[in-house]
Amino acid sequence: MSQLKNFINSNKSEFNNAEPSADLWTRIEGELNKEAKPVKKFHWSPWMSVAAMVMVIITIAITIGINRTLESDEIVQKSNEYEDQQVHFAGLIEEKRDSLQFFSASNPELYKKFVADLKQLDNDYIKLQEQLKTSPNQEVVVKAMIKNLEIRADMLSQQLQIFNQVKAIKQENIL
């Protein structure tokens, strides 16, 4: 820092030599006398506020509409998948019930027990259908309905196997 002080002290006369030009003050006065250009202010009128609000509301409504459309497309797609599964299992169940009824004449008591078990699953399915109408999470209820159909199809398969085994045992006893 002392070098800077020494430099300034030794060259002080050179710094004080320079004076501003004579017309500098004239130019400054000329600039001061000019009127400042008025700055245009943007006035936000009430109708512009209303228009902006309407645009915001329209944007929100469109966004919600698009989201609901996408959600409904997903629901329709899942619904179609579940419907296909339900149709598949319903067909299997009907086919196996027909086969089970064919064996009913050979062993009516066993058939009555099997029908009682199936009746309980049928009642559960009807309850699930009622829940589907009011459930906030319909996907869970539909999955439970499909699971019920799967169980019924498996149960019918097992019942048919039992009938076949009983039939085979009867035939062995006859021989």
N, C-alpha and C. Protein backbone atom coordinates (compact mmCIF):
# COMPACT_ATOMS: atom_id res chain seq x y z
N MET A 1 0.82 -1.19 0.00
CA MET A 1 0.00 0.00 0.00
C MET A 1 0.87 1.26 0.00
N SER A 2 2.02 1.19 0.61
CA SER A 2 2.92 2.35 0.65
C SER A 2 3.42 2.72 -0.75
N GLN A 3 3.60 1.76 -1.62
CA GLN A 3 4.03 2.04 -2.99
C GLN A 3 2.98 2.87 -3.71
N LEU A 4 1.69 2.55 -3.46
CA LEU A 4 0.61 3.30 -4.09
C LEU A 4 0.62 4.74 -3.61
N LYS A 5 0.81 4.95 -2.32
CA LYS A 5 0.86 6.32 -1.76
C LYS A 5 2.05 7.08 -2.35
N ASN A 6 3.16 6.44 -2.44
CA ASN A 6 4.35 7.08 -3.01
C ASN A 6 4.10 7.48 -4.46
N PHE A 7 3.48 6.60 -5.24
CA PHE A 7 3.18 6.89 -6.64
C PHE A 7 2.25 8.09 -6.76
N ILE A 8 1.19 8.09 -5.92
CA ILE A 8 0.22 9.20 -5.97
C ILE A 8 0.90 10.51 -5.58
N ASN A 9 1.68 10.51 -4.52
CA ASN A 9 2.36 11.74 -4.06
C ASN A 9 3.35 12.24 -5.11
N SER A 10 4.06 11.34 -5.75
CA SER A 10 5.05 11.77 -6.73
C SER A 10 4.41 12.25 -8.04
N ASN A 11 3.21 11.77 -8.36
CA ASN A 11 2.56 12.14 -9.62
C ASN A 11 1.33 13.02 -9.41
N LYS A 12 1.22 13.63 -8.26
CA LYS A 12 0.04 14.43 -7.92
C LYS A 12 -0.14 15.59 -8.88
N SER A 13 0.89 16.20 -9.27
CA SER A 13 0.79 17.36 -10.16
C SER A 13 0.21 16.96 -11.52
N GLU A 14 0.51 15.78 -12.00
CA GLU A 14 -0.02 15.32 -13.27
C GLU A 14 -1.52 15.04 -13.18
N PHE A 15 -1.94 14.56 -12.00
CA PHE A 15 -3.38 14.30 -11.83
C PHE A 15 -4.18 15.59 -11.78
N ASN A 16 -3.62 16.64 -11.21
CA ASN A 16 -4.33 17.91 -11.05
C ASN A 16 -4.30 18.75 -12.32
N ASN A 17 -3.52 18.43 -13.31
CA ASN A 17 -3.42 19.18 -14.56
C ASN A 17 -4.68 19.08 -15.40
N ALA A 18 -5.29 17.95 -15.45
CA ALA A 18 -6.40 17.74 -16.36
C ALA A 18 -7.63 18.43 -15.83
N GLU A 19 -8.24 19.24 -16.72
CA GLU A 19 -9.48 19.92 -16.37
C GLU A 19 -10.52 19.55 -17.40
N PRO A 20 -11.79 19.55 -17.00
CA PRO A 20 -12.83 19.22 -17.97
C PRO A 20 -12.94 20.33 -19.03
N SER A 21 -13.46 19.94 -20.15
CA SER A 21 -13.58 20.91 -21.24
C SER A 21 -14.60 21.99 -20.85
N ALA A 22 -14.53 23.11 -21.48
CA ALA A 22 -15.38 24.25 -21.16
C ALA A 22 -16.84 23.99 -21.51
N ASP A 23 -17.08 23.27 -22.53
CA ASP A 23 -18.46 23.04 -22.95
C ASP A 23 -19.14 21.89 -22.18
N LEU A 24 -18.41 21.25 -21.25
CA LEU A 24 -19.00 20.14 -20.50
C LEU A 24 -20.21 20.61 -19.70
N TRP A 25 -20.10 21.74 -19.01
CA TRP A 25 -21.22 22.23 -18.21
C TRP A 25 -22.38 22.63 -19.10
N THR A 26 -22.10 23.14 -20.28
CA THR A 26 -23.15 23.51 -21.22
C THR A 26 -23.93 22.26 -21.65
N ARG A 27 -23.21 21.22 -21.94
CA ARG A 27 -23.89 19.97 -22.33
C ARG A 27 -24.72 19.41 -21.18
N ILE A 28 -24.20 19.46 -19.98
CA ILE A 28 -24.95 18.93 -18.82
C ILE A 28 -26.22 19.75 -18.62
N GLU A 29 -26.12 21.08 -18.73
CA GLU A 29 -27.30 21.93 -18.58
C GLU A 29 -28.32 21.65 -19.68
N GLY A 30 -27.84 21.39 -20.87
CA GLY A 30 -28.73 21.08 -21.98
C GLY A 30 -29.51 19.79 -21.73
N GLU A 31 -28.85 18.84 -21.16
CA GLU A 31 -29.52 17.57 -20.85
C GLU A 31 -30.53 17.76 -19.72
N LEU A 32 -30.23 18.60 -18.76
CA LEU A 32 -31.14 18.84 -17.65
C LEU A 32 -32.39 19.59 -18.09
N ASN A 33 -32.24 20.48 -19.06
CA ASN A 33 -33.37 21.28 -19.51
C ASN A 33 -34.35 20.47 -20.38
N LYS A 34 -33.89 19.39 -20.94
CA LYS A 34 -34.80 18.59 -21.76
C LYS A 34 -35.86 17.97 -20.87
N GLU A 35 -37.04 17.91 -21.39
CA GLU A 35 -38.11 17.27 -20.64
C GLU A 35 -37.95 15.75 -20.75
N ALA A 36 -38.16 15.13 -19.65
CA ALA A 36 -38.05 13.67 -19.66
C ALA A 36 -39.24 13.11 -20.42
N LYS A 37 -38.98 12.08 -21.23
CA LYS A 37 -40.06 11.45 -21.97
C LYS A 37 -40.98 10.74 -20.99
N PRO A 38 -42.24 10.95 -21.16
CA PRO A 38 -43.16 10.28 -20.22
C PRO A 38 -43.10 8.75 -20.42
N VAL A 39 -43.03 8.08 -19.32
CA VAL A 39 -43.00 6.62 -19.36
C VAL A 39 -44.44 6.14 -19.41
N LYS A 40 -44.72 5.34 -20.42
CA LYS A 40 -46.08 4.83 -20.54
C LYS A 40 -46.27 3.72 -19.51
N LYS A 41 -47.28 3.90 -18.75
CA LYS A 41 -47.60 2.88 -17.76
C LYS A 41 -48.72 2.01 -18.31
N PHE A 42 -48.62 0.76 -18.03
CA PHE A 42 -49.66 -0.17 -18.46
C PHE A 42 -50.75 -0.16 -17.40
N HIS A 43 -51.94 0.21 -17.82
CA HIS A 43 -53.06 0.24 -16.89
C HIS A 43 -53.85 -1.05 -17.02
N TRP A 44 -53.98 -1.72 -15.93
CA TRP A 44 -54.68 -3.01 -15.87
C TRP A 44 -56.13 -2.69 -15.57
N SER A 45 -56.94 -2.75 -16.56
CA SER A 45 -58.35 -2.41 -16.37
C SER A 45 -59.12 -3.60 -15.82
N PRO A 46 -60.26 -3.37 -15.22
CA PRO A 46 -61.05 -4.46 -14.63
C PRO A 46 -61.45 -5.52 -15.66
N TRP A 47 -61.76 -5.10 -16.88
CA TRP A 47 -62.17 -6.11 -17.87
C TRP A 47 -61.02 -7.02 -18.25
N MET A 48 -59.78 -6.52 -18.17
CA MET A 48 -58.62 -7.37 -18.45
C MET A 48 -58.43 -8.39 -17.32
N SER A 49 -58.74 -8.01 -16.11
CA SER A 49 -58.67 -8.94 -14.99
C SER A 49 -59.68 -10.06 -15.16
N VAL A 50 -60.86 -9.68 -15.58
CA VAL A 50 -61.91 -10.68 -15.80
C VAL A 50 -61.49 -11.63 -16.94
N ALA A 51 -60.94 -11.06 -18.00
CA ALA A 51 -60.51 -11.88 -19.13
C ALA A 51 -59.39 -12.85 -18.71
N ALA A 52 -58.48 -12.37 -17.88
CA ALA A 52 -57.40 -13.24 -17.40
C ALA A 52 -57.96 -14.37 -16.53
N MET A 53 -58.93 -14.05 -15.69
CA MET A 53 -59.56 -15.07 -14.84
C MET A 53 -60.27 -16.11 -15.70
N VAL A 54 -60.96 -15.65 -16.73
CA VAL A 54 -61.67 -16.57 -17.61
C VAL A 54 -60.66 -17.50 -18.30
N MET A 55 -59.54 -16.96 -18.73
CA MET A 55 -58.52 -17.78 -19.39
C MET A 55 -57.96 -18.83 -18.42
N VAL A 56 -57.73 -18.44 -17.17
CA VAL A 56 -57.23 -19.39 -16.18
C VAL A 56 -58.25 -20.49 -15.95
N ILE A 57 -59.51 -20.13 -15.82
CA ILE A 57 -60.57 -21.12 -15.59
C ILE A 57 -60.69 -22.06 -16.78
N ILE A 58 -60.64 -21.53 -17.98
CA ILE A 58 -60.72 -22.37 -19.18
C ILE A 58 -59.54 -23.34 -19.23
N THR A 59 -58.35 -22.85 -18.92
CA THR A 59 -57.16 -23.71 -18.91
C THR A 59 -57.31 -24.83 -17.90
N ILE A 60 -57.78 -24.52 -16.72
CA ILE A 60 -57.99 -25.54 -15.68
C ILE A 60 -59.03 -26.55 -16.14
N ALA A 61 -60.13 -26.07 -16.70
CA ALA A 61 -61.20 -26.96 -17.16
C ALA A 61 -60.69 -27.90 -18.26
N ILE A 62 -59.93 -27.38 -19.19
CA ILE A 62 -59.39 -28.22 -20.27
C ILE A 62 -58.44 -29.26 -19.69
N THR A 63 -57.59 -28.86 -18.76
CA THR A 63 -56.66 -29.79 -18.14
C THR A 63 -57.40 -30.90 -17.42
N ILE A 64 -58.41 -30.55 -16.66
CA ILE A 64 -59.20 -31.56 -15.94
C ILE A 64 -59.92 -32.46 -16.94
N GLY A 65 -60.46 -31.89 -17.98
CA GLY A 65 -61.15 -32.68 -18.99
C GLY A 65 -60.23 -33.68 -19.66
N ILE A 66 -59.02 -33.26 -19.98
CA ILE A 66 -58.05 -34.16 -20.61
C ILE A 66 -57.69 -35.29 -19.65
N ASN A 67 -57.46 -34.94 -18.37
CA ASN A 67 -57.12 -35.97 -17.39
C ASN A 67 -58.25 -36.98 -17.23
N ARG A 68 -59.47 -36.49 -17.18
CA ARG A 68 -60.61 -37.40 -17.03
C ARG A 68 -60.76 -38.29 -18.26
N THR A 69 -60.51 -37.73 -19.43
CA THR A 69 -60.59 -38.53 -20.65
C THR A 69 -59.56 -39.64 -20.62
N LEU A 70 -58.33 -39.31 -20.20
CA LEU A 70 -57.28 -40.32 -20.11
C LEU A 70 -57.64 -41.39 -19.08
N GLU A 71 -58.18 -40.95 -17.94
CA GLU A 71 -58.59 -41.91 -16.90
C GLU A 71 -59.71 -42.80 -17.40
N SER A 72 -60.69 -42.21 -18.08
CA SER A 72 -61.81 -43.01 -18.57
C SER A 72 -61.34 -44.00 -19.64
N ASP A 73 -60.35 -43.60 -20.46
CA ASP A 73 -59.79 -44.53 -21.45
C ASP A 73 -59.13 -45.72 -20.76
N GLU A 74 -58.39 -45.44 -19.66
CA GLU A 74 -57.76 -46.51 -18.90
C GLU A 74 -58.82 -47.43 -18.31
N ILE A 75 -59.87 -46.85 -17.75
CA ILE A 75 -60.94 -47.63 -17.14
C ILE A 75 -61.62 -48.50 -18.18
N VAL A 76 -61.88 -47.95 -19.36
CA VAL A 76 -62.52 -48.72 -20.43
C VAL A 76 -61.62 -49.87 -20.85
N GLN A 77 -60.32 -49.61 -20.97
CA GLN A 77 -59.39 -50.66 -21.38
C GLN A 77 -59.35 -51.77 -20.32
N LYS A 78 -59.25 -51.39 -19.05
CA LYS A 78 -59.24 -52.40 -17.98
C LYS A 78 -60.57 -53.12 -17.94
N SER A 79 -61.64 -52.38 -18.13
CA SER A 79 -62.97 -52.98 -18.12
C SER A 79 -63.09 -54.05 -19.21
N ASN A 80 -62.56 -53.75 -20.38
CA ASN A 80 -62.59 -54.72 -21.49
C ASN A 80 -61.79 -55.97 -21.15
N GLU A 81 -60.63 -55.77 -20.51
CA GLU A 81 -59.80 -56.91 -20.11
C GLU A 81 -60.56 -57.77 -19.11
N TYR A 82 -61.16 -57.13 -18.10
CA TYR A 82 -61.90 -57.87 -17.08
C TYR A 82 -63.12 -58.56 -17.68
N GLU A 83 -63.76 -57.87 -18.60
CA GLU A 83 -64.94 -58.45 -19.24
C GLU A 83 -64.56 -59.71 -20.02
N ASP A 84 -63.44 -59.65 -20.71
CA ASP A 84 -62.97 -60.83 -21.45
C ASP A 84 -62.71 -61.99 -20.50
N GLN A 85 -62.09 -61.69 -19.36
CA GLN A 85 -61.82 -62.74 -18.38
C GLN A 85 -63.12 -63.31 -17.81
N GLN A 86 -64.07 -62.42 -17.53
CA GLN A 86 -65.34 -62.88 -16.98
C GLN A 86 -66.07 -63.77 -17.98
N VAL A 87 -66.06 -63.40 -19.24
CA VAL A 87 -66.73 -64.20 -20.26
C VAL A 87 -66.05 -65.57 -20.37
N HIS A 88 -64.73 -65.56 -20.33
CA HIS A 88 -63.98 -66.82 -20.41
C HIS A 88 -64.36 -67.75 -19.25
N PHE A 89 -64.30 -67.24 -18.03
CA PHE A 89 -64.60 -68.08 -16.86
C PHE A 89 -66.08 -68.48 -16.82
N ALA A 90 -66.95 -67.56 -17.22
CA ALA A 90 -68.37 -67.90 -17.23
C ALA A 90 -68.64 -69.05 -18.19
N GLY A 91 -67.96 -69.06 -19.34
CA GLY A 91 -68.11 -70.16 -20.30
C GLY A 91 -67.60 -71.48 -19.73
N LEU A 92 -66.43 -71.42 -19.07
CA LEU A 92 -65.88 -72.63 -18.45
C LEU A 92 -66.83 -73.18 -17.37
N ILE A 93 -67.34 -72.27 -16.56
CA ILE A 93 -68.23 -72.67 -15.47
C ILE A 93 -69.48 -73.33 -16.03
N GLU A 94 -70.05 -72.73 -17.04
CA GLU A 94 -71.28 -73.28 -17.63
C GLU A 94 -71.03 -74.67 -18.21
N GLU A 95 -69.91 -74.81 -18.89
CA GLU A 95 -69.56 -76.11 -19.49
C GLU A 95 -69.38 -77.18 -18.42
N LYS A 96 -68.68 -76.81 -17.34
CA LYS A 96 -68.43 -77.78 -16.28
C LYS A 96 -69.69 -78.09 -15.48
N ARG A 97 -70.56 -77.12 -15.33
CA ARG A 97 -71.83 -77.38 -14.65
C ARG A 97 -72.67 -78.38 -15.45
N ASP A 98 -72.66 -78.23 -16.75
CA ASP A 98 -73.38 -79.18 -17.59
C ASP A 98 -72.82 -80.59 -17.42
N SER A 99 -71.49 -80.68 -17.38
CA SER A 99 -70.86 -81.99 -17.18
C SER A 99 -71.20 -82.54 -15.81
N LEU A 100 -71.20 -81.67 -14.81
CA LEU A 100 -71.52 -82.10 -13.44
C LEU A 100 -72.97 -82.59 -13.36
N GLN A 101 -73.85 -81.91 -14.04
CA GLN A 101 -75.26 -82.31 -14.02
C GLN A 101 -75.44 -83.67 -14.71
N PHE A 102 -74.60 -83.96 -15.66
CA PHE A 102 -74.65 -85.26 -16.33
C PHE A 102 -74.40 -86.40 -15.33
N PHE A 103 -73.50 -86.15 -14.35
CA PHE A 103 -73.18 -87.15 -13.35
C PHE A 103 -74.18 -87.18 -12.20
N SER A 104 -75.07 -86.22 -12.15
CA SER A 104 -76.00 -86.11 -11.02
C SER A 104 -76.88 -87.35 -10.86
N ALA A 105 -77.25 -87.97 -11.95
CA ALA A 105 -78.13 -89.14 -11.87
C ALA A 105 -77.43 -90.32 -11.19
N SER A 106 -76.12 -90.43 -11.38
CA SER A 106 -75.40 -91.57 -10.81
C SER A 106 -75.16 -91.41 -9.31
N ASN A 107 -75.08 -90.18 -8.81
CA ASN A 107 -74.84 -89.96 -7.38
C ASN A 107 -75.53 -88.65 -6.95
N PRO A 108 -76.86 -88.69 -6.70
CA PRO A 108 -77.60 -87.46 -6.42
C PRO A 108 -77.19 -86.77 -5.12
N GLU A 109 -76.80 -87.53 -4.09
CA GLU A 109 -76.43 -86.91 -2.82
C GLU A 109 -75.15 -86.08 -2.97
N LEU A 110 -74.18 -86.66 -3.63
CA LEU A 110 -72.93 -85.95 -3.86
C LEU A 110 -73.18 -84.71 -4.72
N TYR A 111 -74.03 -84.83 -5.70
CA TYR A 111 -74.38 -83.70 -6.56
C TYR A 111 -75.01 -82.58 -5.75
N LYS A 112 -75.90 -82.91 -4.80
CA LYS A 112 -76.54 -81.89 -3.96
C LYS A 112 -75.51 -81.14 -3.11
N LYS A 113 -74.52 -81.86 -2.58
CA LYS A 113 -73.47 -81.21 -1.79
C LYS A 113 -72.64 -80.26 -2.66
N PHE A 114 -72.31 -80.72 -3.85
CA PHE A 114 -71.54 -79.88 -4.76
C PHE A 114 -72.32 -78.63 -5.16
N VAL A 115 -73.60 -78.80 -5.42
CA VAL A 115 -74.44 -77.66 -5.83
C VAL A 115 -74.54 -76.65 -4.68
N ALA A 116 -74.60 -77.15 -3.43
CA ALA A 116 -74.68 -76.25 -2.27
C ALA A 116 -73.41 -75.40 -2.17
N ASP A 117 -72.25 -76.04 -2.40
CA ASP A 117 -70.99 -75.28 -2.37
C ASP A 117 -70.95 -74.22 -3.47
N LEU A 118 -71.40 -74.60 -4.64
CA LEU A 118 -71.42 -73.65 -5.76
C LEU A 118 -72.41 -72.52 -5.51
N LYS A 119 -73.52 -72.85 -4.86
CA LYS A 119 -74.54 -71.85 -4.56
C LYS A 119 -73.95 -70.75 -3.67
N GLN A 120 -73.10 -71.14 -2.70
CA GLN A 120 -72.46 -70.15 -1.82
C GLN A 120 -71.57 -69.21 -2.63
N LEU A 121 -70.79 -69.75 -3.55
CA LEU A 121 -69.95 -68.90 -4.40
C LEU A 121 -70.79 -68.02 -5.32
N ASP A 122 -71.92 -68.54 -5.80
CA ASP A 122 -72.83 -67.73 -6.62
C ASP A 122 -73.36 -66.55 -5.82
N ASN A 123 -73.74 -66.80 -4.57
CA ASN A 123 -74.25 -65.72 -3.69
C ASN A 123 -73.17 -64.68 -3.43
N ASP A 124 -71.95 -65.14 -3.21
CA ASP A 124 -70.84 -64.21 -3.01
C ASP A 124 -70.63 -63.33 -4.25
N TYR A 125 -70.76 -63.93 -5.42
CA TYR A 125 -70.59 -63.19 -6.67
C TYR A 125 -71.68 -62.12 -6.82
N ILE A 126 -72.89 -62.47 -6.44
CA ILE A 126 -74.00 -61.51 -6.51
C ILE A 126 -73.74 -60.34 -5.55
N LYS A 127 -73.21 -60.63 -4.37
CA LYS A 127 -72.87 -59.56 -3.41
C LYS A 127 -71.78 -58.66 -3.98
N LEU A 128 -70.81 -59.27 -4.64
CA LEU A 128 -69.76 -58.46 -5.26
C LEU A 128 -70.32 -57.56 -6.36
N GLN A 129 -71.27 -58.07 -7.13
CA GLN A 129 -71.91 -57.25 -8.16
C GLN A 129 -72.61 -56.04 -7.55
N GLU A 130 -73.24 -56.23 -6.39
CA GLU A 130 -73.91 -55.11 -5.70
C GLU A 130 -72.87 -54.11 -5.18
N GLN A 131 -71.76 -54.62 -4.65
CA GLN A 131 -70.71 -53.74 -4.15
C GLN A 131 -70.08 -52.93 -5.28
N LEU A 132 -70.02 -53.53 -6.45
CA LEU A 132 -69.41 -52.85 -7.60
C LEU A 132 -70.13 -51.54 -7.92
N LYS A 133 -71.42 -51.51 -7.71
CA LYS A 133 -72.21 -50.31 -8.03
C LYS A 133 -71.87 -49.14 -7.13
N THR A 134 -71.46 -49.41 -5.88
CA THR A 134 -71.24 -48.33 -4.91
C THR A 134 -69.80 -48.19 -4.47
N SER A 135 -68.94 -49.08 -4.91
CA SER A 135 -67.56 -49.09 -4.44
C SER A 135 -66.76 -47.94 -5.05
N PRO A 136 -65.96 -47.24 -4.22
CA PRO A 136 -65.09 -46.20 -4.78
C PRO A 136 -63.90 -46.81 -5.53
N ASN A 137 -63.53 -48.04 -5.18
CA ASN A 137 -62.42 -48.71 -5.85
C ASN A 137 -62.96 -49.92 -6.59
N GLN A 138 -63.52 -49.67 -7.74
CA GLN A 138 -64.20 -50.71 -8.50
C GLN A 138 -63.23 -51.77 -9.03
N GLU A 139 -61.99 -51.38 -9.26
CA GLU A 139 -61.02 -52.33 -9.79
C GLU A 139 -60.81 -53.49 -8.81
N VAL A 140 -60.76 -53.20 -7.53
CA VAL A 140 -60.57 -54.24 -6.52
C VAL A 140 -61.76 -55.19 -6.51
N VAL A 141 -62.96 -54.63 -6.62
CA VAL A 141 -64.17 -55.46 -6.61
C VAL A 141 -64.21 -56.35 -7.86
N VAL A 142 -63.85 -55.79 -9.00
CA VAL A 142 -63.86 -56.58 -10.24
C VAL A 142 -62.83 -57.70 -10.15
N LYS A 143 -61.67 -57.42 -9.57
CA LYS A 143 -60.67 -58.48 -9.39
C LYS A 143 -61.21 -59.57 -8.48
N ALA A 144 -61.93 -59.18 -7.42
CA ALA A 144 -62.54 -60.17 -6.52
C ALA A 144 -63.59 -61.00 -7.27
N MET A 145 -64.34 -60.36 -8.15
CA MET A 145 -65.33 -61.08 -8.95
C MET A 145 -64.66 -62.11 -9.85
N ILE A 146 -63.57 -61.72 -10.48
CA ILE A 146 -62.84 -62.64 -11.36
C ILE A 146 -62.24 -63.78 -10.53
N LYS A 147 -61.72 -63.45 -9.35
CA LYS A 147 -61.18 -64.49 -8.48
C LYS A 147 -62.28 -65.48 -8.09
N ASN A 148 -63.49 -64.99 -7.83
CA ASN A 148 -64.63 -65.84 -7.51
C ASN A 148 -64.91 -66.79 -8.68
N LEU A 149 -64.89 -66.25 -9.88
CA LEU A 149 -65.13 -67.09 -11.06
C LEU A 149 -64.04 -68.16 -11.21
N GLU A 150 -62.78 -67.76 -10.96
CA GLU A 150 -61.67 -68.73 -11.03
C GLU A 150 -61.88 -69.86 -10.02
N ILE A 151 -62.27 -69.48 -8.80
CA ILE A 151 -62.49 -70.48 -7.75
C ILE A 151 -63.62 -71.42 -8.15
N ARG A 152 -64.68 -70.86 -8.69
CA ARG A 152 -65.80 -71.71 -9.13
C ARG A 152 -65.37 -72.69 -10.22
N ALA A 153 -64.59 -72.20 -11.18
CA ALA A 153 -64.12 -73.07 -12.26
C ALA A 153 -63.23 -74.17 -11.69
N ASP A 154 -62.32 -73.82 -10.77
CA ASP A 154 -61.45 -74.82 -10.15
C ASP A 154 -62.27 -75.82 -9.34
N MET A 155 -63.25 -75.32 -8.59
CA MET A 155 -64.08 -76.19 -7.77
C MET A 155 -64.85 -77.18 -8.64
N LEU A 156 -65.39 -76.69 -9.72
CA LEU A 156 -66.12 -77.58 -10.64
C LEU A 156 -65.19 -78.65 -11.22
N SER A 157 -63.97 -78.26 -11.54
CA SER A 157 -63.00 -79.23 -12.06
C SER A 157 -62.73 -80.32 -11.02
N GLN A 158 -62.56 -79.89 -9.78
CA GLN A 158 -62.32 -80.86 -8.71
C GLN A 158 -63.54 -81.76 -8.50
N GLN A 159 -64.72 -81.16 -8.56
CA GLN A 159 -65.94 -81.95 -8.39
C GLN A 159 -66.09 -82.98 -9.51
N LEU A 160 -65.75 -82.58 -10.72
CA LEU A 160 -65.80 -83.52 -11.83
C LEU A 160 -64.79 -84.65 -11.64
N GLN A 161 -63.61 -84.32 -11.13
CA GLN A 161 -62.62 -85.35 -10.85
C GLN A 161 -63.14 -86.33 -9.79
N ILE A 162 -63.80 -85.78 -8.78
CA ILE A 162 -64.36 -86.64 -7.73
C ILE A 162 -65.42 -87.56 -8.32
N PHE A 163 -66.30 -87.02 -9.14
CA PHE A 163 -67.33 -87.85 -9.78
C PHE A 163 -66.69 -88.95 -10.61
N ASN A 164 -65.63 -88.60 -11.35
CA ASN A 164 -64.95 -89.60 -12.17
C ASN A 164 -64.31 -90.68 -11.29
N GLN A 165 -63.73 -90.27 -10.16
CA GLN A 165 -63.13 -91.23 -9.25
C GLN A 165 -64.19 -92.16 -8.66
N VAL A 166 -65.33 -91.56 -8.25
CA VAL A 166 -66.42 -92.37 -7.70
C VAL A 166 -66.92 -93.34 -8.74
N LYS A 167 -67.05 -92.88 -9.96
CA LYS A 167 -67.51 -93.74 -11.06
C LYS A 167 -66.54 -94.89 -11.28
N ALA A 168 -65.24 -94.57 -11.24
CA ALA A 168 -64.22 -95.60 -11.45
C ALA A 168 -64.25 -96.63 -10.32
N ILE A 169 -64.45 -96.17 -9.10
CA ILE A 169 -64.52 -97.08 -7.95
C ILE A 169 -65.73 -97.98 -8.07
N LYS A 170 -66.86 -97.43 -8.46
CA LYS A 170 -68.08 -98.23 -8.64
C LYS A 170 -67.87 -99.29 -9.70
N GLN A 171 -67.20 -98.92 -10.79
CA GLN A 171 -66.96 -99.88 -11.86
C GLN A 171 -66.02 -101.00 -11.41
N GLU A 172 -65.03 -100.66 -10.59
CA GLU A 172 -64.13 -101.67 -10.07
C GLU A 172 -64.86 -102.63 -9.16
N ASN A 173 -65.78 -102.10 -8.35
CA ASN A 173 -66.55 -102.96 -7.43
C ASN A 173 -67.49 -103.88 -8.20
N ILE A 174 -67.97 -103.43 -9.33
CA ILE A 174 -68.88 -104.23 -10.13
C ILE A 174 -68.10 -105.37 -10.78
N LEU A 175 -66.91 -105.08 -11.22
CA LEU A 175 -66.12 -106.10 -11.90
C LEU A 175 -65.62 -107.05 -10.86
